[in-house]
Amino acid sequence: MIKADPIELCQLLKFGGLTESGGIAKQLITGGLVELNGVTETQKRKKVMAGDRVSYNGETLVVKLAE
């Protein structure tokens, strides 16, 4: 869960636990290994909103706002 949206895709991968660091997240995104709502996304600073689905390496995060 995030406290406010939008959040950058690279930050979400890091804070969501799909990668160990922001640097690794950026490399994965620019390498075409991350999907946003079922479509390959290569913009590491792409804004992600509540309700979006982010997938990498067989895992999917659904973005939700914290209450």
N, C-alpha and C. Protein backbone atom coordinates (compact mmCIF):
# COMPACT_ATOMS: atom_id res chain seq x y z
N MET A 1 0.84 -1.18 0.00
CA MET A 1 0.00 0.00 0.00
C MET A 1 0.88 1.24 0.00
N ILE A 2 0.40 2.26 -0.67
CA ILE A 2 1.11 3.52 -0.69
C ILE A 2 0.27 4.59 0.01
N LYS A 3 0.93 5.63 0.48
CA LYS A 3 0.23 6.68 1.21
C LYS A 3 -0.39 7.71 0.28
N ALA A 4 0.20 7.91 -0.88
CA ALA A 4 -0.32 8.88 -1.84
C ALA A 4 0.05 8.42 -3.24
N ASP A 5 -0.79 8.79 -4.20
CA ASP A 5 -0.41 8.49 -5.58
C ASP A 5 -0.39 9.79 -6.35
N PRO A 6 0.34 9.88 -7.42
CA PRO A 6 1.05 8.77 -8.06
C PRO A 6 2.40 8.48 -7.40
N ILE A 7 2.92 7.31 -7.69
CA ILE A 7 4.26 6.91 -7.26
C ILE A 7 5.00 6.46 -8.52
N GLU A 8 6.30 6.69 -8.56
CA GLU A 8 7.09 6.28 -9.72
C GLU A 8 7.25 4.76 -9.72
N LEU A 9 7.22 4.19 -10.91
CA LEU A 9 7.30 2.74 -11.08
C LEU A 9 8.55 2.17 -10.40
N CYS A 10 9.70 2.80 -10.58
CA CYS A 10 10.93 2.28 -9.98
C CYS A 10 10.85 2.28 -8.45
N GLN A 11 10.21 3.29 -7.87
CA GLN A 11 10.05 3.33 -6.41
C GLN A 11 9.11 2.24 -5.93
N LEU A 12 8.05 2.01 -6.69
CA LEU A 12 7.08 0.98 -6.31
C LEU A 12 7.73 -0.40 -6.29
N LEU A 13 8.55 -0.70 -7.29
CA LEU A 13 9.23 -2.01 -7.31
C LEU A 13 10.11 -2.18 -6.09
N LYS A 14 10.81 -1.13 -5.71
CA LYS A 14 11.70 -1.19 -4.55
C LYS A 14 10.89 -1.32 -3.25
N PHE A 15 9.95 -0.41 -3.04
CA PHE A 15 9.19 -0.41 -1.79
C PHE A 15 8.22 -1.58 -1.69
N GLY A 16 7.81 -2.12 -2.84
CA GLY A 16 6.92 -3.27 -2.85
C GLY A 16 7.65 -4.59 -2.64
N GLY A 17 8.98 -4.54 -2.58
CA GLY A 17 9.76 -5.73 -2.30
C GLY A 17 10.04 -6.62 -3.50
N LEU A 18 9.77 -6.13 -4.71
CA LEU A 18 10.07 -6.94 -5.89
C LEU A 18 11.53 -6.85 -6.30
N THR A 19 12.24 -5.81 -5.85
CA THR A 19 13.67 -5.68 -6.10
C THR A 19 14.36 -5.24 -4.82
N GLU A 20 15.68 -5.43 -4.78
CA GLU A 20 16.43 -5.06 -3.58
C GLU A 20 16.78 -3.58 -3.53
N SER A 21 16.83 -2.92 -4.70
CA SER A 21 17.21 -1.51 -4.71
C SER A 21 16.54 -0.80 -5.88
N GLY A 22 16.56 0.52 -5.80
CA GLY A 22 16.01 1.34 -6.88
C GLY A 22 16.83 1.20 -8.15
N GLY A 23 18.13 1.03 -8.01
CA GLY A 23 19.00 0.87 -9.18
C GLY A 23 18.67 -0.39 -9.96
N ILE A 24 18.44 -1.47 -9.23
CA ILE A 24 18.06 -2.73 -9.89
C ILE A 24 16.70 -2.56 -10.56
N ALA A 25 15.78 -1.90 -9.88
CA ALA A 25 14.45 -1.67 -10.44
C ALA A 25 14.55 -0.91 -11.77
N LYS A 26 15.37 0.12 -11.80
CA LYS A 26 15.53 0.91 -13.03
C LYS A 26 16.08 0.05 -14.17
N GLN A 27 17.04 -0.81 -13.87
CA GLN A 27 17.62 -1.68 -14.90
C GLN A 27 16.58 -2.66 -15.44
N LEU A 28 15.77 -3.21 -14.56
CA LEU A 28 14.74 -4.16 -14.98
C LEU A 28 13.70 -3.48 -15.86
N ILE A 29 13.32 -2.27 -15.49
CA ILE A 29 12.31 -1.54 -16.26
C ILE A 29 12.84 -1.20 -17.64
N THR A 30 14.03 -0.59 -17.70
CA THR A 30 14.57 -0.21 -19.01
C THR A 30 14.90 -1.43 -19.86
N GLY A 31 15.11 -2.58 -19.22
CA GLY A 31 15.36 -3.83 -19.94
C GLY A 31 14.09 -4.50 -20.45
N GLY A 32 12.93 -3.91 -20.17
CA GLY A 32 11.67 -4.46 -20.65
C GLY A 32 11.16 -5.67 -19.89
N LEU A 33 11.55 -5.79 -18.63
CA LEU A 33 11.16 -6.96 -17.85
C LEU A 33 9.99 -6.72 -16.91
N VAL A 34 9.43 -5.51 -16.92
CA VAL A 34 8.35 -5.14 -16.01
C VAL A 34 7.11 -4.80 -16.82
N GLU A 35 5.95 -5.26 -16.34
CA GLU A 35 4.69 -4.93 -16.99
C GLU A 35 3.84 -4.05 -16.09
N LEU A 36 3.17 -3.09 -16.70
CA LEU A 36 2.22 -2.22 -16.01
C LEU A 36 0.87 -2.45 -16.68
N ASN A 37 -0.06 -2.97 -15.93
CA ASN A 37 -1.40 -3.28 -16.45
C ASN A 37 -1.34 -4.18 -17.68
N GLY A 38 -0.44 -5.17 -17.65
CA GLY A 38 -0.35 -6.16 -18.71
C GLY A 38 0.46 -5.76 -19.93
N VAL A 39 1.07 -4.56 -19.89
CA VAL A 39 1.85 -4.06 -21.03
C VAL A 39 3.27 -3.78 -20.56
N THR A 40 4.26 -4.21 -21.34
CA THR A 40 5.66 -3.94 -20.99
C THR A 40 5.87 -2.44 -20.87
N GLU A 41 6.48 -2.03 -19.76
CA GLU A 41 6.73 -0.61 -19.50
C GLU A 41 8.23 -0.38 -19.38
N THR A 42 8.77 0.57 -20.14
CA THR A 42 10.21 0.85 -20.11
C THR A 42 10.53 2.23 -19.54
N GLN A 43 9.52 2.98 -19.11
CA GLN A 43 9.76 4.29 -18.50
C GLN A 43 9.90 4.10 -16.99
N LYS A 44 11.12 4.25 -16.48
CA LYS A 44 11.35 3.98 -15.06
C LYS A 44 10.65 4.96 -14.13
N ARG A 45 10.36 6.16 -14.61
CA ARG A 45 9.67 7.14 -13.77
C ARG A 45 8.19 7.27 -14.11
N LYS A 46 7.66 6.25 -14.78
CA LYS A 46 6.24 6.22 -15.13
C LYS A 46 5.42 6.34 -13.86
N LYS A 47 4.41 7.18 -13.88
CA LYS A 47 3.56 7.38 -12.71
C LYS A 47 2.55 6.25 -12.60
N VAL A 48 2.50 5.65 -11.42
CA VAL A 48 1.61 4.53 -11.15
C VAL A 48 0.55 5.01 -10.15
N MET A 49 -0.69 4.65 -10.42
CA MET A 49 -1.81 5.11 -9.61
C MET A 49 -2.49 3.93 -8.90
N ALA A 50 -3.31 4.24 -7.91
CA ALA A 50 -4.10 3.21 -7.23
C ALA A 50 -4.92 2.45 -8.26
N GLY A 51 -4.95 1.14 -8.14
CA GLY A 51 -5.67 0.28 -9.06
C GLY A 51 -4.81 -0.32 -10.16
N ASP A 52 -3.61 0.27 -10.38
CA ASP A 52 -2.70 -0.27 -11.39
C ASP A 52 -2.12 -1.60 -10.91
N ARG A 53 -1.75 -2.44 -11.87
CA ARG A 53 -1.14 -3.74 -11.60
C ARG A 53 0.28 -3.75 -12.17
N VAL A 54 1.26 -4.07 -11.34
CA VAL A 54 2.66 -4.10 -11.76
C VAL A 54 3.16 -5.53 -11.59
N SER A 55 3.74 -6.08 -12.67
CA SER A 55 4.20 -7.47 -12.65
C SER A 55 5.67 -7.56 -13.02
N TYR A 56 6.38 -8.44 -12.29
CA TYR A 56 7.79 -8.74 -12.58
C TYR A 56 8.09 -10.13 -12.03
N ASN A 57 8.75 -10.94 -12.83
CA ASN A 57 9.26 -12.24 -12.40
C ASN A 57 8.17 -13.12 -11.79
N GLY A 58 6.98 -13.11 -12.37
CA GLY A 58 5.91 -13.96 -11.90
C GLY A 58 5.13 -13.43 -10.70
N GLU A 59 5.48 -12.26 -10.21
CA GLU A 59 4.77 -11.66 -9.09
C GLU A 59 4.05 -10.42 -9.55
N THR A 60 2.87 -10.17 -8.98
CA THR A 60 2.08 -9.00 -9.36
C THR A 60 1.68 -8.23 -8.11
N LEU A 61 1.86 -6.91 -8.19
CA LEU A 61 1.40 -6.01 -7.14
C LEU A 61 0.21 -5.23 -7.66
N VAL A 62 -0.82 -5.11 -6.85
CA VAL A 62 -1.94 -4.25 -7.16
C VAL A 62 -1.81 -3.04 -6.24
N VAL A 63 -1.71 -1.85 -6.83
CA VAL A 63 -1.46 -0.63 -6.06
C VAL A 63 -2.73 -0.21 -5.33
N LYS A 64 -2.61 -0.02 -4.02
CA LYS A 64 -3.73 0.44 -3.20
C LYS A 64 -3.25 1.58 -2.31
N LEU A 65 -4.14 2.51 -2.04
CA LEU A 65 -3.83 3.60 -1.14
C LEU A 65 -4.06 3.14 0.31
N ALA A 66 -3.14 3.51 1.19
CA ALA A 66 -3.30 3.20 2.60
C ALA A 66 -4.38 4.12 3.17
N GLU A 67 -5.16 3.59 4.08
CA GLU A 67 -6.23 4.38 4.69
C GLU A 67 -5.76 5.11 5.90
